[in-house]
Structures are given as structure tokens and as C-alpha cells.
Amino acid sequence: MMDKCKEPRIEHKIRFFVHIHDCPDDPDLIGMSIACEAIDFSTHGLQLRADRELVPGTMLNITIGIGDPFAMYLLRGEVRWTTFEKDEYFMGVLLSEEEGTDLESWASHFVTIFC
């Protein structure tokens, strides 16, 4: 798999849906939800595994429930790369600070969420 992560990764698997916010290559996907599994995280990114390809440039709304105490984080991210391996798609997502998202809280609690 491609390794473009600029921050240390923490392996942690979580299944959830991503919601397509924008997709210049296929506008018909906007508003759809795609089942996926996050397989690793960094403060500003994550790697997803899914049965469907989301092309680079696709913007995702991601809601992750995790931690102890449990908390929900609403994040926005851009698919930066995609690769196909053993009948599955792997995608790197760069998280971005957007109004109404929880990236600042996610980043400040990142170590306590996963450690």
C-alpha cells in the first residue's frame, strides 16, 4: 500500500459509513453513504478500506464514535490516494478544518483517544 502519511499512525480498526460531500469526478455520488473500515489513524488523516473506490479529490463527511469516555467526532476529509489490493480499495484521507467540524477537538484529544 502507498505510504504518504506525514504523521505517526496508530493502527485501530473501526467500521462506519462515510458520506460523500463532494465528488467532482462523479457528482451523482454526492449525498451517498459508503460502508468502510478505518484501519489506521493519524492526527490529520486516516486510511480506509472499502468495497468501492472513491477517487482522489472526493470530499467526505466522517462521523467517528470512539474513546473512553465515548465521544462523537464530525470530521471532513479529502481522498488523497486510492489503491486496489486483493479485491479491496484502500484510500488515504487527509482531514481538514471546516466550520462545524470537530478536527480541533479530535487533534487535541488524539493521544487520549487511542492510548
PDB file of N, CA and C in Angstrom:
ATOM      1  N   MET A   1       0.822  -1.173   0.000  1.00  0.00           N
ATOM      2  CA  MET A   1       0.000   0.000   0.000  1.00  0.00           C
ATOM      3  C   MET A   1       0.871   1.243   0.000  1.00  0.00           C
ATOM      4  N   MET A   2       0.332   2.320  -0.513  1.00  0.00           N
ATOM      5  CA  MET A   2       1.072   3.572  -0.560  1.00  0.00           C
ATOM      6  C   MET A   2       1.224   4.105   0.854  1.00  0.00           C
ATOM      7  N   ASP A   3       2.354   4.733   1.131  1.00  0.00           N
ATOM      8  CA  ASP A   3       2.573   5.319   2.437  1.00  0.00           C
ATOM      9  C   ASP A   3       2.912   6.783   2.248  1.00  0.00           C
ATOM     10  N   LYS A   4       1.923   7.636   2.359  1.00  0.00           N
ATOM     11  CA  LYS A   4       2.111   9.062   2.168  1.00  0.00           C
ATOM     12  C   LYS A   4       1.870   9.818   3.472  1.00  0.00           C
ATOM     13  N   CYS A   5       1.737   9.102   4.560  1.00  0.00           N
ATOM     14  CA  CYS A   5       1.437   9.710   5.846  1.00  0.00           C
ATOM     15  C   CYS A   5       2.647  10.482   6.357  1.00  0.00           C
ATOM     16  N   LYS A   6       2.422  11.713   6.770  1.00  0.00           N
ATOM     17  CA  LYS A   6       3.497  12.553   7.285  1.00  0.00           C
ATOM     18  C   LYS A   6       3.530  12.555   8.815  1.00  0.00           C
ATOM     19  N   GLU A   7       2.559  11.925   9.449  1.00  0.00           N
ATOM     20  CA  GLU A   7       2.480  11.848  10.898  1.00  0.00           C
ATOM     21  C   GLU A   7       2.481  10.379  11.318  1.00  0.00           C
ATOM     22  N   PRO A   8       2.885  10.098  12.553  1.00  0.00           N
ATOM     23  CA  PRO A   8       2.836   8.709  13.021  1.00  0.00           C
ATOM     24  C   PRO A   8       1.403   8.180  12.980  1.00  0.00           C
ATOM     25  N   ARG A   9       1.259   6.916  12.612  1.00  0.00           N
ATOM     26  CA  ARG A   9      -0.051   6.275  12.534  1.00  0.00           C
ATOM     27  C   ARG A   9      -0.287   5.402  13.750  1.00  0.00           C
ATOM     28  N   ILE A  10      -1.550   5.276  14.078  1.00  0.00           N
ATOM     29  CA  ILE A  10      -1.963   4.345  15.117  1.00  0.00           C
ATOM     30  C   ILE A  10      -2.924   3.368  14.464  1.00  0.00           C
ATOM     31  N   GLU A  11      -2.585   2.074  14.508  1.00  0.00           N
ATOM     32  CA  GLU A  11      -3.471   1.062  13.936  1.00  0.00           C
ATOM     33  C   GLU A  11      -4.656   0.857  14.864  1.00  0.00           C
ATOM     34  N   HIS A  12      -5.830   0.981  14.305  1.00  0.00           N
ATOM     35  CA  HIS A  12      -7.065   0.798  15.065  1.00  0.00           C
ATOM     36  C   HIS A  12      -8.177   0.626  14.048  1.00  0.00           C
ATOM     37  N   LYS A  13      -8.925  -0.446  14.137  1.00  0.00           N
ATOM     38  CA  LYS A  13      -9.969  -0.717  13.146  1.00  0.00           C
ATOM     39  C   LYS A  13     -11.340  -0.299  13.681  1.00  0.00           C
ATOM     40  N   ILE A  14     -12.047   0.479  12.870  1.00  0.00           N
ATOM     41  CA  ILE A  14     -13.401   0.910  13.207  1.00  0.00           C
ATOM     42  C   ILE A  14     -14.232   0.869  11.926  1.00  0.00           C
ATOM     43  N   ARG A  15     -15.403   0.235  11.993  1.00  0.00           N
ATOM     44  CA  ARG A  15     -16.315   0.211  10.845  1.00  0.00           C
ATOM     45  C   ARG A  15     -17.319   1.346  10.999  1.00  0.00           C
ATOM     46  N   PHE A  16     -17.578   2.043   9.893  1.00  0.00           N
ATOM     47  CA  PHE A  16     -18.562   3.117   9.885  1.00  0.00           C
ATOM     48  C   PHE A  16     -18.891   3.471   8.440  1.00  0.00           C
ATOM     49  N   PHE A  17     -19.754   4.444   8.261  1.00  0.00           N
ATOM     50  CA  PHE A  17     -20.094   4.938   6.935  1.00  0.00           C
ATOM     51  C   PHE A  17     -19.463   6.308   6.739  1.00  0.00           C
ATOM     52  N   VAL A  18     -18.977   6.558   5.535  1.00  0.00           N
ATOM     53  CA  VAL A  18     -18.574   7.912   5.156  1.00  0.00           C
ATOM     54  C   VAL A  18     -19.661   8.452   4.237  1.00  0.00           C
ATOM     55  N   HIS A  19     -19.882   9.736   4.301  1.00  0.00           N
ATOM     56  CA  HIS A  19     -20.908  10.390   3.500  1.00  0.00           C
ATOM     57  C   HIS A  19     -20.212  11.295   2.492  1.00  0.00           C
ATOM     58  N   ILE A  20     -20.550  11.138   1.238  1.00  0.00           N
ATOM     59  CA  ILE A  20     -19.867  11.889   0.184  1.00  0.00           C
ATOM     60  C   ILE A  20     -20.427  13.305   0.135  1.00  0.00           C
ATOM     61  N   HIS A  21     -19.558  14.269   0.436  1.00  0.00           N
ATOM     62  CA  HIS A  21     -19.912  15.684   0.460  1.00  0.00           C
ATOM     63  C   HIS A  21     -19.760  16.309  -0.925  1.00  0.00           C
ATOM     64  N   ASP A  22     -18.703  15.906  -1.641  1.00  0.00           N
ATOM     65  CA  ASP A  22     -18.449  16.438  -2.981  1.00  0.00           C
ATOM     66  C   ASP A  22     -17.601  15.431  -3.751  1.00  0.00           C
ATOM     67  N   CYS A  23     -17.895  15.278  -5.028  1.00  0.00           N
ATOM     68  CA  CYS A  23     -17.135  14.366  -5.879  1.00  0.00           C
ATOM     69  C   CYS A  23     -17.117  14.926  -7.297  1.00  0.00           C
ATOM     70  N   PRO A  24     -16.094  15.729  -7.627  1.00  0.00           N
ATOM     71  CA  PRO A  24     -16.029  16.338  -8.958  1.00  0.00           C
ATOM     72  C   PRO A  24     -16.071  15.316 -10.094  1.00  0.00           C
ATOM     73  N   ASP A  25     -15.491  14.124  -9.894  1.00  0.00           N
ATOM     74  CA  ASP A  25     -15.466  13.110 -10.954  1.00  0.00           C
ATOM     75  C   ASP A  25     -16.812  12.420 -11.167  1.00  0.00           C
ATOM     76  N   ASP A  26     -17.652  12.373 -10.135  1.00  0.00           N
ATOM     77  CA  ASP A  26     -18.946  11.697 -10.248  1.00  0.00           C
ATOM     78  C   ASP A  26     -19.963  12.378  -9.328  1.00  0.00           C
ATOM     79  N   PRO A  27     -20.535  13.513  -9.765  1.00  0.00           N
ATOM     80  CA  PRO A  27     -21.478  14.259  -8.925  1.00  0.00           C
ATOM     81  C   PRO A  27     -22.687  13.440  -8.463  1.00  0.00           C
ATOM     82  N   ASP A  28     -23.010  12.343  -9.149  1.00  0.00           N
ATOM     83  CA  ASP A  28     -24.133  11.500  -8.729  1.00  0.00           C
ATOM     84  C   ASP A  28     -23.882  10.835  -7.374  1.00  0.00           C
ATOM     85  N   LEU A  29     -22.628  10.771  -6.940  1.00  0.00           N
ATOM     86  CA  LEU A  29     -22.302  10.158  -5.648  1.00  0.00           C
ATOM     87  C   LEU A  29     -22.579  11.085  -4.465  1.00  0.00           C
ATOM     88  N   ILE A  30     -22.707  12.392  -4.718  1.00  0.00           N
ATOM     89  CA  ILE A  30     -22.904  13.355  -3.627  1.00  0.00           C
ATOM     90  C   ILE A  30     -24.151  12.980  -2.830  1.00  0.00           C
ATOM     91  N   GLY A  31     -23.986  12.907  -1.509  1.00  0.00           N
ATOM     92  CA  GLY A  31     -25.076  12.541  -0.614  1.00  0.00           C
ATOM     93  C   GLY A  31     -25.150  11.061  -0.293  1.00  0.00           C
ATOM     94  N   MET A  32     -24.412  10.230  -1.021  1.00  0.00           N
ATOM     95  CA  MET A  32     -24.420   8.786  -0.754  1.00  0.00           C
ATOM     96  C   MET A  32     -23.577   8.452   0.470  1.00  0.00           C
ATOM     97  N   SER A  33     -23.910   7.339   1.101  1.00  0.00           N
ATOM     98  CA  SER A  33     -23.128   6.808   2.215  1.00  0.00           C
ATOM     99  C   SER A  33     -22.457   5.525   1.756  1.00  0.00           C
ATOM    100  N   ILE A  34     -21.193   5.366   2.122  1.00  0.00           N
ATOM    101  CA  ILE A  34     -20.400   4.206   1.729  1.00  0.00           C
ATOM    102  C   ILE A  34     -19.884   3.522   2.994  1.00  0.00           C
ATOM    103  N   ALA A  35     -20.142   2.219   3.125  1.00  0.00           N
ATOM    104  CA  ALA A  35     -19.611   1.452   4.253  1.00  0.00           C
ATOM    105  C   ALA A  35     -18.112   1.278   4.070  1.00  0.00           C
ATOM    106  N   CYS A  36     -17.372   1.465   5.153  1.00  0.00           N
ATOM    107  CA  CYS A  36     -15.925   1.289   5.078  1.00  0.00           C
ATOM    108  C   CYS A  36     -15.386   0.922   6.458  1.00  0.00           C
ATOM    109  N   GLU A  37     -14.099   0.693   6.494  1.00  0.00           N
ATOM    110  CA  GLU A  37     -13.411   0.422   7.748  1.00  0.00           C
ATOM    111  C   GLU A  37     -12.151   1.264   7.772  1.00  0.00           C
ATOM    112  N   ALA A  38     -12.001   2.047   8.825  1.00  0.00           N
ATOM    113  CA  ALA A  38     -10.739   2.755   9.032  1.00  0.00           C
ATOM    114  C   ALA A  38      -9.768   1.741   9.616  1.00  0.00           C
ATOM    115  N   ILE A  39      -8.549   1.708   9.072  1.00  0.00           N
ATOM    116  CA  ILE A  39      -7.583   0.725   9.570  1.00  0.00           C
ATOM    117  C   ILE A  39      -6.419   1.373  10.302  1.00  0.00           C
ATOM    118  N   ASP A  40      -6.190   2.649  10.051  1.00  0.00           N
ATOM    119  CA  ASP A  40      -5.231   3.373  10.879  1.00  0.00           C
ATOM    120  C   ASP A  40      -5.534   4.860  10.845  1.00  0.00           C
ATOM    121  N   PHE A  41      -5.024   5.543  11.860  1.00  0.00           N
ATOM    122  CA  PHE A  41      -5.317   6.953  12.070  1.00  0.00           C
ATOM    123  C   PHE A  41      -4.039   7.723  12.349  1.00  0.00           C
ATOM    124  N   SER A  42      -4.045   8.991  11.991  1.00  0.00           N
ATOM    125  CA  SER A  42      -3.067   9.955  12.481  1.00  0.00           C
ATOM    126  C   SER A  42      -3.872  11.188  12.882  1.00  0.00           C
ATOM    127  N   THR A  43      -3.213  12.177  13.427  1.00  0.00           N
ATOM    128  CA  THR A  43      -3.931  13.358  13.891  1.00  0.00           C
ATOM    129  C   THR A  43      -4.719  14.022  12.771  1.00  0.00           C
ATOM    130  N   HIS A  44      -4.164  14.034  11.571  1.00  0.00           N
ATOM    131  CA  HIS A  44      -4.802  14.739  10.456  1.00  0.00           C
ATOM    132  C   HIS A  44      -5.141  13.829   9.279  1.00  0.00           C
ATOM    133  N   GLY A  45      -5.247  12.524   9.523  1.00  0.00           N
ATOM    134  CA  GLY A  45      -5.578  11.635   8.416  1.00  0.00           C
ATOM    135  C   GLY A  45      -5.982  10.253   8.883  1.00  0.00           C
ATOM    136  N   LEU A  46      -6.452   9.467   7.925  1.00  0.00           N
ATOM    137  CA  LEU A  46      -6.792   8.082   8.204  1.00  0.00           C
ATOM    138  C   LEU A  46      -6.739   7.296   6.905  1.00  0.00           C
ATOM    139  N   GLN A  47      -6.622   5.989   7.051  1.00  0.00           N
ATOM    140  CA  GLN A  47      -6.641   5.094   5.901  1.00  0.00           C
ATOM    141  C   GLN A  47      -7.916   4.260   5.976  1.00  0.00           C
ATOM    142  N   LEU A  48      -8.643   4.240   4.866  1.00  0.00           N
ATOM    143  CA  LEU A  48      -9.894   3.500   4.782  1.00  0.00           C
ATOM    144  C   LEU A  48      -9.751   2.283   3.893  1.00  0.00           C
ATOM    145  N   ARG A  49     -10.541   1.266   4.192  1.00  0.00           N
ATOM    146  CA  ARG A  49     -10.680   0.090   3.331  1.00  0.00           C
ATOM    147  C   ARG A  49     -12.170  -0.009   2.997  1.00  0.00           C
ATOM    148  N   ALA A  50     -12.476  -0.229   1.695  1.00  0.00           N
ATOM    149  CA  ALA A  50     -13.877  -0.313   1.271  1.00  0.00           C
ATOM    150  C   ALA A  50     -13.999  -1.206   0.044  1.00  0.00           C
ATOM    151  N   ASP A  51     -15.225  -1.598  -0.259  1.00  0.00           N
ATOM    152  CA  ASP A  51     -15.500  -2.400  -1.453  1.00  0.00           C
ATOM    153  C   ASP A  51     -15.646  -1.536  -2.696  1.00  0.00           C
ATOM    154  N   ARG A  52     -15.715  -0.232  -2.507  1.00  0.00           N
ATOM    155  CA  ARG A  52     -15.938   0.704  -3.603  1.00  0.00           C
ATOM    156  C   ARG A  52     -14.829   1.753  -3.620  1.00  0.00           C
ATOM    157  N   GLU A  53     -14.419   2.132  -4.810  1.00  0.00           N
ATOM    158  CA  GLU A  53     -13.374   3.144  -4.947  1.00  0.00           C
ATOM    159  C   GLU A  53     -13.965   4.543  -4.843  1.00  0.00           C
ATOM    160  N   LEU A  54     -13.297   5.379  -4.079  1.00  0.00           N
ATOM    161  CA  LEU A  54     -13.567   6.809  -4.054  1.00  0.00           C
ATOM    162  C   LEU A  54     -12.310   7.482  -4.586  1.00  0.00           C
ATOM    163  N   VAL A  55     -12.446   8.233  -5.650  1.00  0.00           N
ATOM    164  CA  VAL A  55     -11.278   8.770  -6.346  1.00  0.00           C
ATOM    165  C   VAL A  55     -10.693   9.961  -5.600  1.00  0.00           C
ATOM    166  N   PRO A  56      -9.392  10.211  -5.790  1.00  0.00           N
ATOM    167  CA  PRO A  56      -8.774  11.395  -5.196  1.00  0.00           C
ATOM    168  C   PRO A  56      -9.557  12.654  -5.563  1.00  0.00           C
ATOM    169  N   GLY A  57      -9.689  13.525  -4.570  1.00  0.00           N
ATOM    170  CA  GLY A  57     -10.454  14.753  -4.735  1.00  0.00           C
ATOM    171  C   GLY A  57     -11.853  14.660  -4.157  1.00  0.00           C
ATOM    172  N   THR A  58     -12.317  13.435  -3.849  1.00  0.00           N
ATOM    173  CA  THR A  58     -13.635  13.259  -3.240  1.00  0.00           C
ATOM    174  C   THR A  58     -13.592  13.782  -1.807  1.00  0.00           C
ATOM    175  N   MET A  59     -14.571  14.609  -1.442  1.00  0.00           N
ATOM    176  CA  MET A  59     -14.665  15.150  -0.085  1.00  0.00           C
ATOM    177  C   MET A  59     -15.680  14.332   0.708  1.00  0.00           C
ATOM    178  N   LEU A  60     -15.282  13.939   1.922  1.00  0.00           N
ATOM    179  CA  LEU A  60     -16.095  13.059   2.761  1.00  0.00           C
ATOM    180  C   LEU A  60     -16.476  13.730   4.068  1.00  0.00           C
ATOM    181  N   ASN A  61     -17.680  13.476   4.537  1.00  0.00           N
ATOM    182  CA  ASN A  61     -18.078  13.767   5.905  1.00  0.00           C
ATOM    183  C   ASN A  61     -17.958  12.449   6.658  1.00  0.00           C
ATOM    184  N   ILE A  62     -17.241  12.484   7.771  1.00  0.00           N
ATOM    185  CA  ILE A  62     -16.929  11.276   8.525  1.00  0.00           C
ATOM    186  C   ILE A  62     -17.346  11.499   9.972  1.00  0.00           C
ATOM    187  N   THR A  63     -18.176  10.622  10.507  1.00  0.00           N
ATOM    188  CA  THR A  63     -18.540  10.689  11.919  1.00  0.00           C
ATOM    189  C   THR A  63     -17.963   9.457  12.598  1.00  0.00           C
ATOM    190  N   ILE A  64     -17.109   9.704  13.587  1.00  0.00           N
ATOM    191  CA  ILE A  64     -16.443   8.618  14.306  1.00  0.00           C
ATOM    192  C   ILE A  64     -16.842   8.689  15.772  1.00  0.00           C
ATOM    193  N   GLY A  65     -17.355   7.583  16.295  1.00  0.00           N
ATOM    194  CA  GLY A  65     -17.630   7.457  17.712  1.00  0.00           C
ATOM    195  C   GLY A  65     -16.565   6.573  18.333  1.00  0.00           C
ATOM    196  N   ILE A  66     -15.818   7.129  19.278  1.00  0.00           N
ATOM    197  CA  ILE A  66     -14.672   6.399  19.822  1.00  0.00           C
ATOM    198  C   ILE A  66     -14.271   7.012  21.159  1.00  0.00           C
ATOM    199  N   GLY A  67     -13.454   6.277  21.906  1.00  0.00           N
ATOM    200  CA  GLY A  67     -12.821   6.808  23.106  1.00  0.00           C
ATOM    201  C   GLY A  67     -13.478   6.352  24.393  1.00  0.00           C
ATOM    202  N   ASP A  68     -12.791   6.656  25.483  1.00  0.00           N
ATOM    203  CA  ASP A  68     -13.284   6.385  26.820  1.00  0.00           C
ATOM    204  C   ASP A  68     -12.909   7.571  27.689  1.00  0.00           C
ATOM    205  N   PRO A  69     -13.812   8.484  27.956  1.00  0.00           N
ATOM    206  CA  PRO A  69     -15.243   8.383  27.694  1.00  0.00           C
ATOM    207  C   PRO A  69     -15.564   8.508  26.202  1.00  0.00           C
ATOM    208  N   PHE A  70     -16.648   7.848  25.803  1.00  0.00           N
ATOM    209  CA  PHE A  70     -17.088   7.827  24.411  1.00  0.00           C
ATOM    210  C   PHE A  70     -17.430   9.239  23.945  1.00  0.00           C
ATOM    211  N   ALA A  71     -16.987   9.574  22.744  1.00  0.00           N
ATOM    212  CA  ALA A  71     -17.306  10.873  22.143  1.00  0.00           C
ATOM    213  C   ALA A  71     -17.499  10.688  20.645  1.00  0.00           C
ATOM    214  N   MET A  72     -18.297  11.559  20.062  1.00  0.00           N
ATOM    215  CA  MET A  72     -18.532  11.563  18.615  1.00  0.00           C
ATOM    216  C   MET A  72     -17.761  12.731  18.015  1.00  0.00           C
ATOM    217  N   TYR A  73     -17.092  12.465  16.895  1.00  0.00           N
ATOM    218  CA  TYR A  73     -16.326  13.488  16.186  1.00  0.00           C
ATOM    219  C   TYR A  73     -16.828  13.575  14.751  1.00  0.00           C
ATOM    220  N   LEU A  74     -17.237  14.771  14.346  1.00  0.00           N
ATOM    221  CA  LEU A  74     -17.625  15.019  12.966  1.00  0.00           C
ATOM    222  C   LEU A  74     -16.415  15.609  12.251  1.00  0.00           C
ATOM    223  N   LEU A  75     -15.933  14.899  11.237  1.00  0.00           N
ATOM    224  CA  LEU A  75     -14.716  15.294  10.529  1.00  0.00           C
ATOM    225  C   LEU A  75     -15.000  15.433   9.038  1.00  0.00           C
ATOM    226  N   ARG A  76     -14.200  16.231   8.362  1.00  0.00           N
ATOM    227  CA  ARG A  76     -14.277  16.364   6.897  1.00  0.00           C
ATOM    228  C   ARG A  76     -12.909  15.999   6.357  1.00  0.00           C
ATOM    229  N   GLY A  77     -12.883  15.229   5.289  1.00  0.00           N
ATOM    230  CA  GLY A  77     -11.607  14.816   4.722  1.00  0.00           C
ATOM    231  C   GLY A  77     -11.665  14.681   3.218  1.00  0.00           C
ATOM    232  N   GLU A  78     -10.498  14.776   2.615  1.00  0.00           N
ATOM    233  CA  GLU A  78     -10.348  14.631   1.168  1.00  0.00           C
ATOM    234  C   GLU A  78      -9.590  13.352   0.865  1.00  0.00           C
ATOM    235  N   VAL A  79     -10.133  12.539  -0.038  1.00  0.00           N
ATOM    236  CA  VAL A  79      -9.414  11.353  -0.502  1.00  0.00           C
ATOM    237  C   VAL A  79      -8.203  11.842  -1.286  1.00  0.00           C
ATOM    238  N   ARG A  80      -7.002  11.430  -0.855  1.00  0.00           N
ATOM    239  CA  ARG A  80      -5.765  11.881  -1.499  1.00  0.00           C
ATOM    240  C   ARG A  80      -5.169  10.826  -2.413  1.00  0.00           C
ATOM    241  N   TRP A  81      -5.381   9.546  -2.097  1.00  0.00           N
ATOM    242  CA  TRP A  81      -4.881   8.464  -2.944  1.00  0.00           C
ATOM    243  C   TRP A  81      -5.778   7.238  -2.771  1.00  0.00           C
ATOM    244  N   THR A  82      -5.759   6.403  -3.780  1.00  0.00           N
ATOM    245  CA  THR A  82      -6.517   5.149  -3.779  1.00  0.00           C
ATOM    246  C   THR A  82      -5.651   4.064  -4.400  1.00  0.00           C
ATOM    247  N   THR A  83      -5.719   2.871  -3.829  1.00  0.00           N
ATOM    248  CA  THR A  83      -5.047   1.719  -4.419  1.00  0.00           C
ATOM    249  C   THR A  83      -5.979   0.511  -4.290  1.00  0.00           C
ATOM    250  N   PHE A  84      -5.822  -0.440  -5.187  1.00  0.00           N
ATOM    251  CA  PHE A  84      -6.652  -1.649  -5.200  1.00  0.00           C
ATOM    252  C   PHE A  84      -5.755  -2.833  -4.900  1.00  0.00           C
ATOM    253  N   GLU A  85      -6.173  -3.639  -3.911  1.00  0.00           N
ATOM    254  CA  GLU A  85      -5.358  -4.772  -3.489  1.00  0.00           C
ATOM    255  C   GLU A  85      -6.268  -5.878  -2.960  1.00  0.00           C
ATOM    256  N   LYS A  86      -6.150  -7.070  -3.517  1.00  0.00           N
ATOM    257  CA  LYS A  86      -6.905  -8.238  -3.038  1.00  0.00           C
ATOM    258  C   LYS A  86      -8.409  -7.961  -2.937  1.00  0.00           C
ATOM    259  N   ASP A  87      -8.982  -7.468  -4.016  1.00  0.00           N
ATOM    260  CA  ASP A  87     -10.428  -7.219  -4.111  1.00  0.00           C
ATOM    261  C   ASP A  87     -10.947  -6.126  -3.181  1.00  0.00           C
ATOM    262  N   GLU A  88     -10.071  -5.275  -2.674  1.00  0.00           N
ATOM    263  CA  GLU A  88     -10.499  -4.176  -1.810  1.00  0.00           C
ATOM    264  C   GLU A  88      -9.792  -2.894  -2.232  1.00  0.00           C
ATOM    265  N   TYR A  89     -10.444  -1.782  -1.948  1.00  0.00           N
ATOM    266  CA  TYR A  89      -9.849  -0.470  -2.198  1.00  0.00           C
ATOM    267  C   TYR A  89      -9.334   0.090  -0.880  1.00  0.00           C
ATOM    268  N   PHE A  90      -8.159   0.669  -0.940  1.00  0.00           N
ATOM    269  CA  PHE A  90      -7.567   1.362   0.194  1.00  0.00           C
ATOM    270  C   PHE A  90      -7.411   2.820  -0.199  1.00  0.00           C
ATOM    271  N   MET A  91      -7.793   3.722   0.710  1.00  0.00           N
ATOM    272  CA  MET A  91      -7.769   5.143   0.408  1.00  0.00           C
ATOM    273  C   MET A  91      -7.167   5.918   1.563  1.00  0.00           C
ATOM    274  N   GLY A  92      -6.324   6.870   1.229  1.00  0.00           N
ATOM    275  CA  GLY A  92      -5.780   7.777   2.219  1.00  0.00           C
ATOM    276  C   GLY A  92      -6.614   9.039   2.248  1.00  0.00           C
ATOM    277  N   VAL A  93      -7.006   9.468   3.448  1.00  0.00           N
ATOM    278  CA  VAL A  93      -7.861  10.641   3.613  1.00  0.00           C
ATOM    279  C   VAL A  93      -7.133  11.661   4.477  1.00  0.00           C
ATOM    280  N   LEU A  94      -7.035  12.885   3.966  1.00  0.00           N
ATOM    281  CA  LEU A  94      -6.451  13.998   4.711  1.00  0.00           C
ATOM    282  C   LEU A  94      -7.590  14.791   5.328  1.00  0.00           C
ATOM    283  N   LEU A  95      -7.593  14.901   6.656  1.00  0.00           N
ATOM    284  CA  LEU A  95      -8.638  15.644   7.352  1.00  0.00           C
ATOM    285  C   LEU A  95      -8.379  17.138   7.240  1.00  0.00           C
ATOM    286  N   SER A  96      -9.452  17.910   7.153  1.00  0.00           N
ATOM    287  CA  SER A  96      -9.308  19.360   7.021  1.00  0.00           C
ATOM    288  C   SER A  96     -10.225  20.068   8.009  1.00  0.00           C
ATOM    289  N   GLU A  97      -9.789  21.232   8.451  1.00  0.00           N
ATOM    290  CA  GLU A  97     -10.581  22.047   9.372  1.00  0.00           C
ATOM    291  C   GLU A  97     -11.641  22.777   8.569  1.00  0.00           C
ATOM    292  N   GLU A  98     -12.874  22.509   8.884  1.00  0.00           N
ATOM    293  CA  GLU A  98     -14.014  23.157   8.230  1.00  0.00           C
ATOM    294  C   GLU A  98     -14.957  23.625   9.328  1.00  0.00           C
ATOM    295  N   GLU A  99     -15.692  24.680   9.062  1.00  0.00           N
ATOM    296  CA  GLU A  99     -16.668  25.163  10.025  1.00  0.00           C
ATOM    297  C   GLU A  99     -17.677  24.058  10.325  1.00  0.00           C
ATOM    298  N   GLY A 100     -17.958  23.855  11.603  1.00  0.00           N
ATOM    299  CA  GLY A 100     -18.918  22.837  12.002  1.00  0.00           C
ATOM    300  C   GLY A 100     -18.320  21.454  12.193  1.00  0.00           C
ATOM    301  N   THR A 101     -16.993  21.320  12.029  1.00  0.00           N
ATOM    302  CA  THR A 101     -16.355  20.022  12.254  1.00  0.00           C
ATOM    303  C   THR A 101     -15.605  20.029  13.581  1.00  0.00           C
ATOM    304  N   ASP A 102     -15.155  18.856  13.986  1.00  0.00           N
ATOM    305  CA  ASP A 102     -14.501  18.683  15.287  1.00  0.00           C
ATOM    306  C   ASP A 102     -13.011  18.384  15.172  1.00  0.00           C
ATOM    307  N   LEU A 103     -12.362  18.825  14.093  1.00  0.00           N
ATOM    308  CA  LEU A 103     -10.951  18.481  13.908  1.00  0.00           C
ATOM    309  C   LEU A 103     -10.083  19.006  15.045  1.00  0.00           C
ATOM    310  N   GLU A 104     -10.338  20.213  15.515  1.00  0.00           N
ATOM    311  CA  GLU A 104      -9.525  20.768  16.603  1.00  0.00           C
ATOM    312  C   GLU A 104      -9.641  19.904  17.858  1.00  0.00           C
ATOM    313  N   SER A 105     -10.849  19.507  18.210  1.00  0.00           N
ATOM    314  CA  SER A 105     -11.060  18.639  19.368  1.00  0.00           C
ATOM    315  C   SER A 105     -10.443  17.259  19.132  1.00  0.00           C
ATOM    316  N   TRP A 106     -10.625  16.702  17.928  1.00  0.00           N
ATOM    317  CA  TRP A 106     -10.034  15.414  17.543  1.00  0.00           C
ATOM    318  C   TRP A 106      -8.523  15.459  17.741  1.00  0.00           C
ATOM    319  N   ALA A 107      -7.879  16.497  17.212  1.00  0.00           N
ATOM    320  CA  ALA A 107      -6.421  16.607  17.289  1.00  0.00           C
ATOM    321  C   ALA A 107      -5.952  16.771  18.733  1.00  0.00           C
ATOM    322  N   SER A 108      -6.670  17.568  19.520  1.00  0.00           N
ATOM    323  CA  SER A 108      -6.222  17.802  20.894  1.00  0.00           C
ATOM    324  C   SER A 108      -6.438  16.584  21.792  1.00  0.00           C
ATOM    325  N   HIS A 109      -7.399  15.728  21.465  1.00  0.00           N
ATOM    326  CA  HIS A 109      -7.662  14.527  22.261  1.00  0.00           C
ATOM    327  C   HIS A 109      -7.088  13.257  21.638  1.00  0.00           C
ATOM    328  N   PHE A 110      -6.386  13.379  20.530  1.00  0.00           N
ATOM    329  CA  PHE A 110      -5.959  12.213  19.756  1.00  0.00           C
ATOM    330  C   PHE A 110      -5.206  11.185  20.600  1.00  0.00           C
ATOM    331  N   VAL A 111      -4.236  11.622  21.369  1.00  0.00           N
ATOM    332  CA  VAL A 111      -3.426  10.687  22.162  1.00  0.00           C
ATOM    333  C   VAL A 111      -4.289   9.970  23.192  1.00  0.00           C
ATOM    334  N   THR A 112      -5.188  10.687  23.843  1.00  0.00           N
ATOM    335  CA  THR A 112      -6.025  10.031  24.854  1.00  0.00           C
ATOM    336  C   THR A 112      -7.086   9.132  24.222  1.00  0.00           C
ATOM    337  N   ILE A 113      -7.493   9.419  22.992  1.00  0.00           N
ATOM    338  CA  ILE A 113      -8.473   8.566  22.310  1.00  0.00           C
ATOM    339  C   ILE A 113      -7.893   7.177  22.069  1.00  0.00           C
ATOM    340  N   PHE A 114      -6.640   7.123  21.632  1.00  0.00           N
ATOM    341  CA  PHE A 114      -6.060   5.860  21.170  1.00  0.00           C
ATOM    342  C   PHE A 114      -5.087   5.212  22.149  1.00  0.00           C
ATOM    343  N   CYS A 115      -4.704   5.899  23.191  1.00  0.00           N
ATOM    344  CA  CYS A 115      -3.691   5.324  24.103  1.00  0.00           C
ATOM    345  C   CYS A 115      -4.247   5.066  25.482  1.00  0.00           C
TER     346      CYS A 115
END
